[in-house]
């Protein structure tokens, strides 16, 4: 699981998931991931059969959309949670 979170928020989907489902791996990504960040994330998720991505304002941070598109190309089961206007 990866997430782009607002640095100003005290809420964390990572913390909630880790508490509720401790056996799931989670990864936090920058709200505006660089190409190097995206490549590092892709290398991490290669070992997983299922991937869940949570975005934050992807309509503003297009690199989040690029990440999702590249994850989809991996031909793995993936789900994206986002605001409707984000993609």
Protein backbone atom coordinates (compact mmCIF):
# COMPACT_ATOMS: atom_id res chain seq x y z
CA UNK A 1 0.00 0.00 0.00
CA UNK A 2 1.24 3.41 -0.77
CA UNK A 3 -0.15 6.81 0.22
CA UNK A 4 0.40 10.45 -0.51
CA UNK A 5 -0.56 12.37 2.59
CA UNK A 6 -0.90 16.03 3.40
CA UNK A 7 2.01 17.01 5.68
CA UNK A 8 -0.31 19.36 7.57
CA UNK A 9 -2.84 16.70 8.49
CA UNK A 10 -2.73 14.81 11.76
CA UNK A 11 -4.71 11.97 10.20
CA UNK A 12 -2.78 9.10 8.66
CA UNK A 13 -4.20 6.26 6.62
CA UNK A 14 -0.88 4.49 7.20
CA UNK A 15 -1.38 4.57 10.98
CA UNK A 16 -4.98 3.41 10.66
CA UNK A 17 -4.09 0.49 8.39
CA UNK A 18 -1.10 -0.55 10.49
CA UNK A 19 -3.29 -0.60 13.59
CA UNK A 20 -6.23 -2.42 11.98
CA UNK A 21 -4.30 -4.82 9.74
CA UNK A 22 -0.73 -5.06 11.08
CA UNK A 23 0.37 -7.77 8.65
CA UNK A 24 -0.05 -5.50 5.59
CA UNK A 25 3.01 -3.63 4.33
CA UNK A 26 2.54 0.11 3.87
CA UNK A 27 4.62 2.75 2.12
CA UNK A 28 4.26 6.49 2.39
CA UNK A 29 5.11 8.51 -0.70
CA UNK A 30 5.62 12.18 -1.27
CA UNK A 31 2.57 14.12 -2.40
CA UNK A 32 4.48 15.00 -5.59
CA UNK A 33 6.74 11.97 -6.23
CA UNK A 34 9.73 12.41 -8.51
CA UNK A 35 10.63 9.95 -11.25
CA UNK A 36 13.21 8.43 -8.89
CA UNK A 37 10.51 8.08 -6.20
CA UNK A 38 8.16 6.41 -8.68
CA UNK A 39 10.86 3.97 -9.81
CA UNK A 40 11.71 3.11 -6.20
CA UNK A 41 8.02 2.47 -5.43
CA UNK A 42 7.65 0.30 -8.53
CA UNK A 43 10.63 -1.77 -7.40
CA UNK A 44 9.04 -2.21 -3.96
CA UNK A 45 5.61 -3.25 -5.23
CA UNK A 46 6.92 -5.83 -7.71
CA UNK A 47 6.84 -8.52 -5.01
CA UNK A 48 3.14 -8.02 -4.24
CA UNK A 49 0.13 -9.62 -5.91
CA UNK A 50 -2.27 -6.85 -4.85
CA UNK A 51 -1.61 -3.14 -4.53
CA UNK A 52 -3.77 -0.41 -3.01
CA UNK A 53 -2.91 3.21 -3.77
CA UNK A 54 -4.41 6.19 -1.95
CA UNK A 55 -3.91 9.55 -3.61
CA UNK A 56 -4.19 13.12 -2.42
CA UNK A 57 -5.08 15.86 -4.92
CA UNK A 58 -3.78 13.89 -7.89
CA UNK A 59 -5.47 16.44 -10.15
CA UNK A 60 -2.86 18.92 -8.89
CA UNK A 61 0.06 16.51 -8.55
CA UNK A 62 0.12 14.70 -11.88
CA UNK A 63 3.07 12.54 -10.87
CA UNK A 64 0.61 10.61 -8.65
CA UNK A 65 -1.37 9.81 -11.80
CA UNK A 66 1.86 8.75 -13.53
CA UNK A 67 2.59 6.40 -10.62
CA UNK A 68 -0.87 4.84 -10.81
CA UNK A 69 -0.59 4.35 -14.57
CA UNK A 70 2.79 2.68 -14.18
CA UNK A 71 1.49 0.42 -11.40
CA UNK A 72 -1.42 -0.58 -13.67
CA UNK A 73 1.08 -1.56 -16.38
CA UNK A 74 2.56 -4.13 -13.98
CA UNK A 75 -0.55 -6.27 -14.59
CA UNK A 76 -1.17 -6.80 -10.90
CA UNK A 77 -4.43 -6.45 -9.04
CA UNK A 78 -4.53 -2.82 -8.03
CA UNK A 79 -7.04 -0.43 -6.54
CA UNK A 80 -6.83 3.33 -6.29
CA UNK A 81 -8.68 5.36 -3.67
CA UNK A 82 -8.97 9.01 -4.53
CA UNK A 83 -11.31 11.96 -4.64
CA UNK A 84 -13.45 11.77 -7.79
CA UNK A 85 -11.91 14.91 -9.26
CA UNK A 86 -8.35 13.60 -8.78
CA UNK A 87 -8.11 11.39 -11.87
